[in-house]
Every structure is written in C-alpha cells, then in structure tokens.
C-alpha cells in the first residue's frame, strides 16, 4: 500500500496544477492552443479522485494506474507524455520494498528516458524534458554529495526553476509551438512550467513532512 506521504503528494500535485491552470493556459496561448493548464488540471484532479483506490495498491501499481488516468483524461500530447512518465516510473519501482532515495532517482531516470522515446525529443528542445532532465541529474549529484532531506529537495527545485527559465530563450522544435519557429523564443514552455510546478509541489510536501 502507498504511504500517507504519497497520498498527500497526489493532492499536492492536483492542487498546484489547478491553482496555476490559468498561468499555464496563458503560456500555452503564446505558443499553442491555450488549454495546457485546463487539460492537465482535469487529469490530475481525476487522479486525485482515485486516491482511496490508489492507496490500496503498492507504489509501482499506483503510479501506473495514475499514469493511465492521465493518458485517458488529458487531451493533446500532454496526457500520453505525463502518463508515460508515471507509468514508466511505476514499472521501475521495486516490488514490496520501502523506497530509498536511490530508488526514486532510478525511477525518474526510467520515466525521463521513456518520455524522450515517446516524444522523440531531448533536453534543449523547449519541452518538459528541459526541467525533468536537469532535475534527474541534480538528483544524482545530490545523492553523490551525501545531501539529505530538505537539502536534496532544495537542489531539485533549483534545477527545475533553472530548467524552465532556460526554455524562455529556446526555439521550439517539437509540437505545435515548432510551427512558430523563432517566434517561440521569449516564452517559457508551458510543459516545462508545469513540470517545475509539479517538482516544487512534491519537494515542498516532502520538506513539510521531514
């Protein structure tokens, strides 16, 4: 069964996306359809509505179930990409064992690799990967440096914030934003912003409970 902290994390992610849906829509309007926040909010609220059911599962199963919910409830490319992230992390989760920090870092590695493959994209192309990739690298550095608890969380949030800001000066090469070419420069990527918000919400929740 998933922990109380994981259940709280479900609520935290749903809340942060819902609270920032207008911001995400505004960013998306500059480079896309203007509905990124609304779509993601619908998906994460659908996951939150399943918290009681997810609580009866182990971590791997819960993440895979949550990922499938995002695939089926979030429109456009975001649903398959975020769903792939969670499902791949779930498949990489150790069975029947208490998660260690190294396990979470490995799970994130697997999730990011799957998103790269699904989206045929990589860091530097103005996507969610420009946050998730650096966060994964920061996670491994923090572990190697012996960082613990809130120190790890702070490093991950800093990496996520730097990642989303870096997308401001990138030219989009993937998705609808790629049609704008150089006109996409000057706007943070909405997918990267959503990923930053999710990382921050999760790290804040962990820090509050530490």
N, C-alpha and C. Protein backbone atom coordinates (compact mmCIF):
# COMPACT_ATOMS: atom_id res chain seq x y z
N UNK A 1 0.83 -1.20 0.00
CA UNK A 1 0.00 0.00 0.00
C UNK A 1 0.87 1.25 0.00
N UNK A 2 0.42 2.28 -0.71
CA UNK A 2 1.20 3.51 -0.76
C UNK A 2 1.13 4.22 0.59
N UNK A 3 2.12 5.04 0.86
CA UNK A 3 2.23 5.72 2.15
C UNK A 3 1.31 6.94 2.23
N UNK A 4 1.13 7.43 3.45
CA UNK A 4 0.35 8.65 3.65
C UNK A 4 0.99 9.81 2.90
N UNK A 5 2.34 9.84 2.87
CA UNK A 5 3.04 10.92 2.18
C UNK A 5 2.73 10.90 0.69
N UNK A 6 2.66 9.71 0.12
CA UNK A 6 2.34 9.60 -1.30
C UNK A 6 0.92 10.07 -1.56
N UNK A 7 0.01 9.72 -0.66
CA UNK A 7 -1.37 10.18 -0.81
C UNK A 7 -1.44 11.70 -0.74
N UNK A 8 -0.66 12.29 0.16
CA UNK A 8 -0.61 13.75 0.25
C UNK A 8 0.00 14.36 -1.01
N UNK A 9 0.96 13.66 -1.59
CA UNK A 9 1.60 14.15 -2.81
C UNK A 9 0.60 14.18 -3.96
N UNK A 10 -0.32 13.22 -4.01
CA UNK A 10 -1.35 13.22 -5.05
C UNK A 10 -2.18 14.50 -4.95
N UNK A 11 -2.59 14.84 -3.72
CA UNK A 11 -3.37 16.05 -3.53
C UNK A 11 -2.58 17.31 -3.85
N UNK A 12 -1.30 17.31 -3.48
CA UNK A 12 -0.46 18.48 -3.71
C UNK A 12 -0.27 18.75 -5.20
N UNK A 13 -0.07 17.69 -5.98
CA UNK A 13 0.13 17.89 -7.42
C UNK A 13 -1.17 18.37 -8.09
N UNK A 14 -2.29 17.78 -7.69
CA UNK A 14 -3.57 18.21 -8.26
C UNK A 14 -3.85 19.66 -7.91
N UNK A 15 -3.56 20.04 -6.67
CA UNK A 15 -3.81 21.42 -6.24
C UNK A 15 -2.94 22.42 -6.99
N UNK A 16 -1.66 22.11 -7.13
CA UNK A 16 -0.77 23.09 -7.77
C UNK A 16 -1.11 23.28 -9.24
N UNK A 17 -1.50 22.21 -9.93
CA UNK A 17 -1.87 22.36 -11.33
C UNK A 17 -3.18 23.13 -11.46
N UNK A 18 -4.13 22.83 -10.60
CA UNK A 18 -5.42 23.54 -10.65
C UNK A 18 -5.24 25.02 -10.34
N UNK A 19 -4.45 25.32 -9.32
CA UNK A 19 -4.23 26.70 -8.92
C UNK A 19 -3.48 27.50 -9.97
N UNK A 20 -2.68 26.82 -10.78
CA UNK A 20 -1.88 27.51 -11.79
C UNK A 20 -2.37 27.24 -13.22
N UNK A 21 -3.59 26.73 -13.33
CA UNK A 21 -4.12 26.41 -14.66
C UNK A 21 -4.18 27.63 -15.55
N UNK A 22 -4.59 28.77 -14.99
CA UNK A 22 -4.68 30.00 -15.79
C UNK A 22 -3.31 30.43 -16.30
N UNK A 23 -2.29 30.34 -15.45
CA UNK A 23 -0.93 30.67 -15.87
C UNK A 23 -0.47 29.76 -17.00
N UNK A 24 -0.71 28.46 -16.84
CA UNK A 24 -0.30 27.51 -17.87
C UNK A 24 -1.05 27.74 -19.17
N UNK A 25 -2.33 28.07 -19.08
CA UNK A 25 -3.10 28.39 -20.29
C UNK A 25 -2.54 29.63 -20.97
N UNK A 26 -2.16 30.62 -20.17
CA UNK A 26 -1.61 31.86 -20.73
C UNK A 26 -0.30 31.59 -21.47
N UNK A 27 0.58 30.80 -20.85
CA UNK A 27 1.84 30.46 -21.50
C UNK A 27 1.59 29.66 -22.78
N UNK A 28 0.62 28.76 -22.72
CA UNK A 28 0.31 27.93 -23.88
C UNK A 28 -0.32 28.75 -25.01
N UNK A 29 -1.05 29.78 -24.64
CA UNK A 29 -1.69 30.62 -25.66
C UNK A 29 -0.65 31.32 -26.53
N UNK A 30 0.55 31.55 -25.96
CA UNK A 30 1.60 32.22 -26.73
C UNK A 30 2.24 31.30 -27.75
N UNK A 31 2.14 29.98 -27.51
CA UNK A 31 2.84 29.06 -28.41
C UNK A 31 1.96 27.90 -28.89
N UNK A 32 0.74 27.82 -28.39
CA UNK A 32 -0.10 26.67 -28.74
C UNK A 32 -1.58 26.99 -28.68
N UNK A 33 -2.37 26.06 -28.14
CA UNK A 33 -3.83 26.18 -28.14
C UNK A 33 -4.39 26.95 -26.95
N UNK A 34 -3.58 27.17 -25.93
CA UNK A 34 -4.04 27.90 -24.76
C UNK A 34 -4.85 27.08 -23.78
N UNK A 35 -4.70 25.76 -23.82
CA UNK A 35 -5.50 24.92 -22.94
C UNK A 35 -4.66 23.94 -22.11
N UNK A 36 -3.36 24.16 -22.05
CA UNK A 36 -2.48 23.22 -21.36
C UNK A 36 -2.86 23.08 -19.89
N UNK A 37 -3.10 24.20 -19.23
CA UNK A 37 -3.45 24.16 -17.82
C UNK A 37 -4.78 23.50 -17.56
N UNK A 38 -5.77 23.81 -18.37
CA UNK A 38 -7.09 23.20 -18.21
C UNK A 38 -7.04 21.70 -18.42
N UNK A 39 -6.31 21.27 -19.44
CA UNK A 39 -6.19 19.84 -19.71
C UNK A 39 -5.48 19.10 -18.58
N UNK A 40 -4.35 19.66 -18.13
CA UNK A 40 -3.61 19.00 -17.05
C UNK A 40 -4.42 18.98 -15.76
N UNK A 41 -5.10 20.08 -15.48
CA UNK A 41 -5.90 20.14 -14.26
C UNK A 41 -6.96 19.04 -14.25
N UNK A 42 -7.62 18.85 -15.36
CA UNK A 42 -8.62 17.79 -15.46
C UNK A 42 -8.01 16.43 -15.15
N UNK A 43 -6.81 16.18 -15.69
CA UNK A 43 -6.17 14.90 -15.48
C UNK A 43 -5.73 14.67 -14.05
N UNK A 44 -5.09 15.66 -13.46
CA UNK A 44 -4.58 15.49 -12.11
C UNK A 44 -5.71 15.45 -11.08
N UNK A 45 -6.79 16.16 -11.35
CA UNK A 45 -7.95 16.06 -10.47
C UNK A 45 -8.58 14.67 -10.58
N UNK A 46 -8.56 14.08 -11.76
CA UNK A 46 -9.07 12.73 -11.94
C UNK A 46 -8.22 11.73 -11.15
N UNK A 47 -6.91 11.94 -11.13
CA UNK A 47 -6.03 11.08 -10.33
C UNK A 47 -6.35 11.26 -8.85
N UNK A 48 -6.51 12.51 -8.42
CA UNK A 48 -6.80 12.78 -7.01
C UNK A 48 -8.11 12.14 -6.58
N UNK A 49 -9.07 12.08 -7.49
CA UNK A 49 -10.36 11.47 -7.17
C UNK A 49 -10.23 9.96 -6.92
N UNK A 50 -9.11 9.38 -7.34
CA UNK A 50 -8.88 7.95 -7.16
C UNK A 50 -7.96 7.66 -5.98
N UNK A 51 -7.70 8.66 -5.13
CA UNK A 51 -6.72 8.49 -4.06
C UNK A 51 -7.01 7.28 -3.19
N UNK A 52 -8.26 7.08 -2.80
CA UNK A 52 -8.61 5.95 -1.94
C UNK A 52 -8.30 4.63 -2.62
N UNK A 53 -8.61 4.54 -3.91
CA UNK A 53 -8.33 3.32 -4.66
C UNK A 53 -6.82 3.12 -4.81
N UNK A 54 -6.11 4.19 -5.13
CA UNK A 54 -4.66 4.09 -5.30
C UNK A 54 -3.97 3.70 -4.00
N UNK A 55 -4.56 4.12 -2.86
CA UNK A 55 -3.95 3.84 -1.56
C UNK A 55 -3.90 2.35 -1.26
N UNK A 56 -4.73 1.56 -1.93
CA UNK A 56 -4.75 0.11 -1.69
C UNK A 56 -3.69 -0.63 -2.51
N UNK A 57 -3.00 0.09 -3.38
CA UNK A 57 -2.01 -0.53 -4.26
C UNK A 57 -0.59 -0.28 -3.76
N UNK A 58 0.36 -1.04 -4.28
CA UNK A 58 1.75 -0.72 -3.96
C UNK A 58 2.20 0.43 -4.88
N UNK A 59 3.37 0.95 -4.62
CA UNK A 59 3.82 2.16 -5.30
C UNK A 59 3.85 2.00 -6.82
N UNK A 60 4.41 0.90 -7.28
CA UNK A 60 4.51 0.70 -8.72
C UNK A 60 3.16 0.64 -9.39
N UNK A 61 2.23 -0.10 -8.78
CA UNK A 61 0.89 -0.21 -9.35
C UNK A 61 0.16 1.12 -9.32
N UNK A 62 0.33 1.86 -8.22
CA UNK A 62 -0.35 3.14 -8.08
C UNK A 62 0.12 4.14 -9.13
N UNK A 63 1.43 4.18 -9.37
CA UNK A 63 1.96 5.10 -10.38
C UNK A 63 1.48 4.72 -11.77
N UNK A 64 1.44 3.44 -12.05
CA UNK A 64 0.97 3.01 -13.37
C UNK A 64 -0.52 3.32 -13.56
N UNK A 65 -1.30 3.14 -12.51
CA UNK A 65 -2.72 3.46 -12.60
C UNK A 65 -2.92 4.97 -12.79
N UNK A 66 -2.16 5.76 -12.04
CA UNK A 66 -2.25 7.21 -12.17
C UNK A 66 -1.84 7.66 -13.57
N UNK A 67 -0.78 7.04 -14.10
CA UNK A 67 -0.33 7.38 -15.43
C UNK A 67 -1.37 7.07 -16.49
N UNK A 68 -2.03 5.94 -16.36
CA UNK A 68 -3.07 5.58 -17.32
C UNK A 68 -4.24 6.56 -17.24
N UNK A 69 -4.54 7.02 -16.04
CA UNK A 69 -5.61 8.01 -15.88
C UNK A 69 -5.27 9.29 -16.62
N UNK A 70 -4.01 9.73 -16.54
CA UNK A 70 -3.61 10.93 -17.26
C UNK A 70 -3.71 10.73 -18.77
N UNK A 71 -3.34 9.55 -19.24
CA UNK A 71 -3.42 9.27 -20.67
C UNK A 71 -4.86 9.39 -21.17
N UNK A 72 -5.80 8.92 -20.37
CA UNK A 72 -7.19 8.86 -20.82
C UNK A 72 -7.99 10.13 -20.55
N UNK A 73 -7.45 11.05 -19.72
CA UNK A 73 -8.23 12.24 -19.36
C UNK A 73 -7.62 13.56 -19.82
N UNK A 74 -6.34 13.55 -20.17
CA UNK A 74 -5.67 14.80 -20.58
C UNK A 74 -5.58 14.82 -22.10
N UNK A 75 -6.06 15.89 -22.71
CA UNK A 75 -6.04 15.99 -24.16
C UNK A 75 -4.68 16.33 -24.72
N UNK A 76 -4.55 16.21 -26.02
CA UNK A 76 -3.31 16.57 -26.71
C UNK A 76 -2.17 15.63 -26.38
N UNK A 77 -0.95 16.16 -26.53
CA UNK A 77 0.24 15.34 -26.29
C UNK A 77 0.57 15.21 -24.82
N UNK A 78 0.07 16.12 -23.99
CA UNK A 78 0.45 16.14 -22.58
C UNK A 78 0.05 14.86 -21.86
N UNK A 79 -1.16 14.36 -22.12
CA UNK A 79 -1.62 13.16 -21.44
C UNK A 79 -0.71 11.97 -21.67
N UNK A 80 -0.41 11.62 -22.93
CA UNK A 80 0.49 10.49 -23.18
C UNK A 80 1.89 10.70 -22.60
N UNK A 81 2.38 11.94 -22.61
CA UNK A 81 3.73 12.18 -22.11
C UNK A 81 3.81 12.09 -20.58
N UNK A 82 2.91 12.77 -19.89
CA UNK A 82 2.91 12.67 -18.43
C UNK A 82 2.50 11.27 -17.98
N UNK A 83 1.57 10.66 -18.72
CA UNK A 83 1.19 9.30 -18.40
C UNK A 83 2.34 8.33 -18.57
N UNK A 84 3.10 8.50 -19.65
CA UNK A 84 4.28 7.66 -19.88
C UNK A 84 5.29 7.83 -18.77
N UNK A 85 5.48 9.07 -18.32
CA UNK A 85 6.41 9.35 -17.22
C UNK A 85 6.04 8.53 -15.99
N UNK A 86 4.78 8.62 -15.58
CA UNK A 86 4.36 7.93 -14.35
C UNK A 86 4.35 6.42 -14.53
N UNK A 87 3.85 5.95 -15.67
CA UNK A 87 3.79 4.51 -15.87
C UNK A 87 5.19 3.89 -15.90
N UNK A 88 6.13 4.56 -16.54
CA UNK A 88 7.49 4.03 -16.60
C UNK A 88 8.17 4.08 -15.23
N UNK A 89 7.89 5.13 -14.46
CA UNK A 89 8.41 5.18 -13.10
C UNK A 89 7.82 4.05 -12.27
N UNK A 90 6.53 3.77 -12.48
CA UNK A 90 5.89 2.70 -11.74
C UNK A 90 6.47 1.34 -12.08
N UNK A 91 6.75 1.12 -13.35
CA UNK A 91 7.33 -0.16 -13.77
C UNK A 91 8.73 -0.35 -13.18
N UNK A 92 9.42 0.76 -12.92
CA UNK A 92 10.78 0.70 -12.40
C UNK A 92 10.82 0.62 -10.87
N UNK A 93 9.67 0.78 -10.22
CA UNK A 93 9.63 0.78 -8.76
C UNK A 93 9.91 -0.62 -8.22
N UNK A 94 10.70 -0.73 -7.15
CA UNK A 94 10.95 -2.05 -6.55
C UNK A 94 9.67 -2.62 -5.95
N UNK A 95 9.51 -3.91 -6.03
CA UNK A 95 8.29 -4.56 -5.54
C UNK A 95 8.40 -4.85 -4.04
N UNK A 96 7.37 -4.45 -3.31
CA UNK A 96 7.27 -4.83 -1.91
C UNK A 96 8.39 -4.36 -1.03
N UNK A 97 9.00 -3.23 -1.36
CA UNK A 97 10.11 -2.72 -0.55
C UNK A 97 9.91 -1.23 -0.27
N UNK A 98 10.42 -0.80 0.87
CA UNK A 98 10.36 0.61 1.20
C UNK A 98 11.29 1.37 0.26
N UNK A 99 10.77 2.40 -0.39
CA UNK A 99 11.58 3.14 -1.36
C UNK A 99 12.72 3.89 -0.69
N UNK A 100 13.90 3.74 -1.26
CA UNK A 100 15.06 4.53 -0.86
C UNK A 100 15.25 5.65 -1.86
N UNK A 101 16.02 6.65 -1.48
CA UNK A 101 16.21 7.81 -2.35
C UNK A 101 16.82 7.38 -3.69
N UNK A 102 17.71 6.39 -3.65
CA UNK A 102 18.32 5.90 -4.88
C UNK A 102 17.27 5.25 -5.80
N UNK A 103 16.28 4.61 -5.19
CA UNK A 103 15.21 4.01 -5.98
C UNK A 103 14.42 5.07 -6.73
N UNK A 104 14.12 6.17 -6.04
CA UNK A 104 13.34 7.24 -6.66
C UNK A 104 14.12 7.87 -7.81
N UNK A 105 15.42 8.07 -7.61
CA UNK A 105 16.25 8.64 -8.67
C UNK A 105 16.27 7.72 -9.89
N UNK A 106 16.35 6.40 -9.66
CA UNK A 106 16.34 5.44 -10.77
C UNK A 106 14.99 5.45 -11.47
N UNK A 107 13.92 5.50 -10.70
CA UNK A 107 12.59 5.55 -11.28
C UNK A 107 12.42 6.78 -12.17
N UNK A 108 12.93 7.92 -11.70
CA UNK A 108 12.85 9.13 -12.50
C UNK A 108 13.67 8.98 -13.78
N UNK A 109 14.83 8.37 -13.68
CA UNK A 109 15.65 8.12 -14.88
C UNK A 109 14.84 7.36 -15.93
N UNK A 110 14.17 6.32 -15.46
CA UNK A 110 13.41 5.48 -16.39
C UNK A 110 12.23 6.24 -16.99
N UNK A 111 11.60 7.07 -16.16
CA UNK A 111 10.49 7.88 -16.66
C UNK A 111 10.93 8.89 -17.69
N UNK A 112 12.03 9.56 -17.44
CA UNK A 112 12.55 10.55 -18.37
C UNK A 112 12.96 9.89 -19.69
N UNK A 113 13.61 8.75 -19.59
CA UNK A 113 14.02 8.03 -20.80
C UNK A 113 12.81 7.65 -21.64
N UNK A 114 11.73 7.25 -20.98
CA UNK A 114 10.52 6.86 -21.71
C UNK A 114 9.85 8.06 -22.37
N UNK A 115 9.87 9.21 -21.69
CA UNK A 115 9.31 10.43 -22.27
C UNK A 115 10.12 10.85 -23.50
N UNK A 116 11.43 10.74 -23.41
CA UNK A 116 12.27 11.06 -24.56
C UNK A 116 11.90 10.19 -25.76
N UNK A 117 11.71 8.91 -25.49
CA UNK A 117 11.39 7.99 -26.58
C UNK A 117 9.99 8.26 -27.12
N UNK A 118 9.04 8.47 -26.23
CA UNK A 118 7.65 8.68 -26.66
C UNK A 118 7.52 9.98 -27.45
N UNK A 119 8.19 11.04 -26.98
CA UNK A 119 8.08 12.33 -27.64
C UNK A 119 9.11 12.56 -28.72
N UNK A 120 10.02 11.59 -28.90
CA UNK A 120 11.11 11.76 -29.85
C UNK A 120 11.79 13.11 -29.66
N UNK A 121 12.13 13.38 -28.41
CA UNK A 121 12.68 14.67 -28.05
C UNK A 121 13.78 14.49 -27.02
N UNK A 122 14.44 15.59 -26.69
CA UNK A 122 15.52 15.56 -25.70
C UNK A 122 15.62 16.93 -25.06
N UNK A 123 16.46 17.03 -24.06
CA UNK A 123 16.73 18.31 -23.41
C UNK A 123 17.26 19.30 -24.44
N UNK A 124 16.80 20.54 -24.37
CA UNK A 124 17.25 21.57 -25.29
C UNK A 124 16.28 21.88 -26.40
N UNK A 125 15.10 21.21 -26.39
CA UNK A 125 14.13 21.42 -27.46
C UNK A 125 12.85 22.11 -26.97
N UNK A 126 12.94 22.76 -25.83
CA UNK A 126 11.82 23.56 -25.29
C UNK A 126 10.61 22.68 -24.99
N UNK A 127 10.82 21.72 -24.08
CA UNK A 127 9.75 20.83 -23.66
C UNK A 127 9.87 20.57 -22.16
N UNK A 128 8.99 19.73 -21.64
CA UNK A 128 9.03 19.33 -20.25
C UNK A 128 10.37 18.68 -19.88
N UNK A 129 11.06 18.12 -20.87
CA UNK A 129 12.34 17.48 -20.61
C UNK A 129 13.40 18.47 -20.15
N UNK A 130 13.23 19.74 -20.48
CA UNK A 130 14.20 20.75 -20.05
C UNK A 130 14.13 21.01 -18.55
N UNK A 131 13.09 20.52 -17.92
CA UNK A 131 13.01 20.52 -16.45
C UNK A 131 13.34 19.13 -15.91
N UNK A 132 12.70 18.11 -16.44
CA UNK A 132 12.86 16.77 -15.90
C UNK A 132 14.28 16.24 -16.05
N UNK A 133 14.93 16.53 -17.19
CA UNK A 133 16.30 16.08 -17.38
C UNK A 133 17.26 16.66 -16.34
N UNK A 134 17.31 17.99 -16.20
CA UNK A 134 18.18 18.59 -15.18
C UNK A 134 17.84 18.17 -13.75
N UNK A 135 16.56 17.97 -13.47
CA UNK A 135 16.16 17.52 -12.13
C UNK A 135 16.74 16.13 -11.85
N UNK A 136 16.66 15.25 -12.85
CA UNK A 136 17.24 13.92 -12.68
C UNK A 136 18.74 13.98 -12.43
N UNK A 137 19.43 14.83 -13.17
CA UNK A 137 20.87 14.98 -12.98
C UNK A 137 21.18 15.56 -11.61
N UNK A 138 20.40 16.54 -11.19
CA UNK A 138 20.61 17.16 -9.87
C UNK A 138 20.37 16.14 -8.76
N UNK A 139 19.41 15.25 -8.98
CA UNK A 139 19.10 14.21 -8.00
C UNK A 139 20.32 13.32 -7.78
N UNK A 140 20.93 12.87 -8.86
CA UNK A 140 22.09 12.00 -8.74
C UNK A 140 23.29 12.74 -8.12
N UNK A 141 23.46 14.01 -8.48
CA UNK A 141 24.55 14.79 -7.86
C UNK A 141 24.33 14.92 -6.37
N UNK A 142 23.10 15.19 -5.97
CA UNK A 142 22.80 15.36 -4.56
C UNK A 142 23.08 14.08 -3.78
N UNK A 143 22.72 12.93 -4.36
CA UNK A 143 22.98 11.65 -3.71
C UNK A 143 24.49 11.43 -3.58
N UNK A 144 25.22 11.70 -4.65
CA UNK A 144 26.68 11.51 -4.64
C UNK A 144 27.36 12.41 -3.62
N UNK A 145 26.78 13.59 -3.41
CA UNK A 145 27.36 14.55 -2.46
C UNK A 145 26.94 14.27 -1.02
N UNK A 146 26.07 13.29 -0.84
CA UNK A 146 25.63 12.95 0.51
C UNK A 146 24.55 13.86 1.05
N UNK A 147 23.90 14.62 0.18
CA UNK A 147 22.82 15.52 0.63
C UNK A 147 21.65 14.68 1.15
N UNK A 148 20.89 15.28 2.08
CA UNK A 148 19.77 14.57 2.67
C UNK A 148 18.55 15.46 2.78
N UNK A 149 17.40 14.84 2.79
CA UNK A 149 16.15 15.51 3.11
C UNK A 149 15.90 16.81 2.38
N UNK A 150 15.74 17.88 3.17
CA UNK A 150 15.38 19.18 2.61
C UNK A 150 16.47 19.74 1.70
N UNK A 151 17.71 19.33 1.92
CA UNK A 151 18.81 19.80 1.06
C UNK A 151 18.65 19.23 -0.34
N UNK A 152 18.27 17.95 -0.43
CA UNK A 152 18.01 17.34 -1.73
C UNK A 152 16.85 18.05 -2.41
N UNK A 153 15.78 18.27 -1.66
CA UNK A 153 14.59 18.93 -2.21
C UNK A 153 14.94 20.30 -2.76
N UNK A 154 15.75 21.06 -2.03
CA UNK A 154 16.13 22.41 -2.48
C UNK A 154 16.92 22.35 -3.78
N UNK A 155 17.80 21.37 -3.91
CA UNK A 155 18.60 21.23 -5.13
C UNK A 155 17.71 20.88 -6.33
N UNK A 156 16.71 20.04 -6.10
CA UNK A 156 15.82 19.65 -7.18
C UNK A 156 14.96 20.83 -7.64
N UNK A 157 14.45 21.60 -6.69
CA UNK A 157 13.64 22.77 -7.04
C UNK A 157 14.48 23.79 -7.80
N UNK A 158 15.72 23.99 -7.36
CA UNK A 158 16.60 24.94 -8.04
C UNK A 158 16.87 24.50 -9.47
N UNK A 159 17.09 23.19 -9.67
CA UNK A 159 17.33 22.68 -11.02
C UNK A 159 16.09 22.85 -11.89
N UNK A 160 14.91 22.60 -11.30
CA UNK A 160 13.66 22.74 -12.05
C UNK A 160 13.42 24.19 -12.44
N UNK A 161 13.68 25.11 -11.52
CA UNK A 161 13.48 26.53 -11.81
C UNK A 161 14.42 27.01 -12.91
N UNK A 162 15.68 26.58 -12.84
CA UNK A 162 16.64 26.96 -13.88
C UNK A 162 16.24 26.35 -15.22
N UNK A 163 15.70 25.15 -15.18
CA UNK A 163 15.31 24.48 -16.42
C UNK A 163 14.18 25.19 -17.13
N UNK A 164 13.14 25.58 -16.38
CA UNK A 164 12.01 26.26 -17.03
C UNK A 164 12.43 27.63 -17.54
N UNK A 165 13.29 28.31 -16.81
CA UNK A 165 13.74 29.62 -17.26
C UNK A 165 14.59 29.50 -18.53
N UNK A 166 15.35 28.41 -18.64
CA UNK A 166 16.19 28.21 -19.82
C UNK A 166 15.35 28.08 -21.08
N UNK A 167 14.11 27.59 -20.95
CA UNK A 167 13.28 27.42 -22.14
C UNK A 167 12.84 28.75 -22.74
N UNK A 168 12.93 29.82 -21.96
CA UNK A 168 12.49 31.13 -22.45
C UNK A 168 13.23 31.53 -23.72
N UNK A 169 14.52 31.25 -23.77
CA UNK A 169 15.33 31.68 -24.92
C UNK A 169 15.57 30.58 -25.93
N UNK A 170 14.81 29.49 -25.82
CA UNK A 170 14.93 28.40 -26.80
C UNK A 170 13.92 28.57 -27.92
N UNK A 171 14.26 28.06 -29.08
CA UNK A 171 13.31 27.97 -30.18
C UNK A 171 12.69 26.58 -30.16
N UNK A 172 11.37 26.52 -30.15
CA UNK A 172 10.68 25.24 -30.09
C UNK A 172 10.90 24.44 -31.37
N UNK A 173 11.14 23.16 -31.19
CA UNK A 173 11.31 22.27 -32.34
C UNK A 173 10.34 21.09 -32.29
N UNK A 174 9.50 21.05 -31.26
CA UNK A 174 8.56 19.95 -31.11
C UNK A 174 7.15 20.51 -30.88
N UNK A 175 6.16 19.75 -31.30
CA UNK A 175 4.77 20.11 -31.04
C UNK A 175 4.30 21.31 -31.84
N UNK A 176 3.13 21.81 -31.44
CA UNK A 176 2.53 22.94 -32.16
C UNK A 176 3.42 24.18 -32.11
N UNK A 177 4.14 24.36 -31.01
CA UNK A 177 5.00 25.53 -30.87
C UNK A 177 6.07 25.59 -31.94
N UNK A 178 6.47 24.43 -32.48
CA UNK A 178 7.51 24.39 -33.50
C UNK A 178 7.09 25.14 -34.76
N UNK A 179 5.77 25.26 -34.97
CA UNK A 179 5.29 25.96 -36.15
C UNK A 179 5.61 27.46 -36.10
N UNK A 180 5.86 27.96 -34.90
CA UNK A 180 6.18 29.38 -34.74
C UNK A 180 7.63 29.70 -35.05
N UNK A 181 8.48 28.68 -35.04
CA UNK A 181 9.89 28.92 -35.31
C UNK A 181 10.49 29.90 -34.31
N UNK A 182 11.17 30.93 -34.81
CA UNK A 182 11.83 31.89 -33.94
C UNK A 182 10.85 32.69 -33.08
N UNK A 183 9.60 32.74 -33.48
CA UNK A 183 8.61 33.48 -32.69
C UNK A 183 8.31 32.80 -31.36
N UNK A 184 8.72 31.54 -31.21
CA UNK A 184 8.53 30.86 -29.93
C UNK A 184 9.55 31.32 -28.89
N UNK A 185 10.61 31.98 -29.33
CA UNK A 185 11.63 32.48 -28.42
C UNK A 185 11.05 33.63 -27.60
N UNK A 186 11.37 33.63 -26.31
CA UNK A 186 10.90 34.70 -25.42
C UNK A 186 9.78 34.26 -24.51
N UNK A 187 9.29 33.02 -24.69
CA UNK A 187 8.20 32.50 -23.87
C UNK A 187 8.65 31.22 -23.18
N UNK A 188 8.49 31.13 -21.86
CA UNK A 188 8.77 29.85 -21.19
C UNK A 188 7.83 28.77 -21.73
N UNK A 189 8.32 27.56 -21.82
CA UNK A 189 7.50 26.47 -22.32
C UNK A 189 6.46 26.07 -21.27
N UNK A 190 5.19 25.96 -21.64
CA UNK A 190 4.16 25.61 -20.66
C UNK A 190 4.36 24.22 -20.06
N UNK A 191 4.84 23.27 -20.86
CA UNK A 191 5.10 21.94 -20.33
C UNK A 191 6.23 21.95 -19.32
N UNK A 192 7.26 22.73 -19.59
CA UNK A 192 8.36 22.87 -18.63
C UNK A 192 7.88 23.54 -17.36
N UNK A 193 7.02 24.57 -17.50
CA UNK A 193 6.48 25.25 -16.32
C UNK A 193 5.65 24.29 -15.48
N UNK A 194 4.81 23.49 -16.12
CA UNK A 194 4.00 22.52 -15.39
C UNK A 194 4.90 21.52 -14.65
N UNK A 195 5.97 21.09 -15.29
CA UNK A 195 6.89 20.15 -14.65
C UNK A 195 7.57 20.80 -13.46
N UNK A 196 7.96 22.05 -13.61
CA UNK A 196 8.55 22.78 -12.48
C UNK A 196 7.56 22.86 -11.31
N UNK A 197 6.32 23.20 -11.60
CA UNK A 197 5.31 23.31 -10.55
C UNK A 197 5.10 21.98 -9.84
N UNK A 198 5.11 20.89 -10.60
CA UNK A 198 4.95 19.56 -10.00
C UNK A 198 6.14 19.20 -9.13
N UNK A 199 7.34 19.45 -9.62
CA UNK A 199 8.54 19.16 -8.82
C UNK A 199 8.53 19.96 -7.53
N UNK A 200 8.20 21.24 -7.62
CA UNK A 200 8.18 22.09 -6.43
C UNK A 200 7.12 21.63 -5.44
N UNK A 201 5.94 21.29 -5.93
CA UNK A 201 4.87 20.83 -5.04
C UNK A 201 5.29 19.57 -4.30
N UNK A 202 5.90 18.62 -5.02
CA UNK A 202 6.34 17.38 -4.39
C UNK A 202 7.46 17.62 -3.38
N UNK A 203 8.41 18.46 -3.74
CA UNK A 203 9.52 18.75 -2.83
C UNK A 203 9.05 19.51 -1.61
N UNK A 204 8.13 20.46 -1.80
CA UNK A 204 7.59 21.20 -0.67
C UNK A 204 6.85 20.26 0.27
N UNK A 205 6.09 19.32 -0.28
CA UNK A 205 5.35 18.38 0.55
C UNK A 205 6.30 17.50 1.34
N UNK A 206 7.38 17.05 0.69
CA UNK A 206 8.37 16.24 1.39
C UNK A 206 9.02 17.03 2.52
N UNK A 207 9.39 18.28 2.23
CA UNK A 207 10.06 19.12 3.21
C UNK A 207 9.14 19.38 4.41
N UNK A 208 7.87 19.59 4.14
CA UNK A 208 6.92 19.83 5.23
C UNK A 208 6.81 18.65 6.17
N UNK A 209 7.00 17.44 5.62
CA UNK A 209 6.85 16.23 6.43
C UNK A 209 8.17 15.73 7.03
N UNK A 210 9.28 16.37 6.59
CA UNK A 210 10.59 15.89 7.06
C UNK A 210 10.84 16.25 8.52
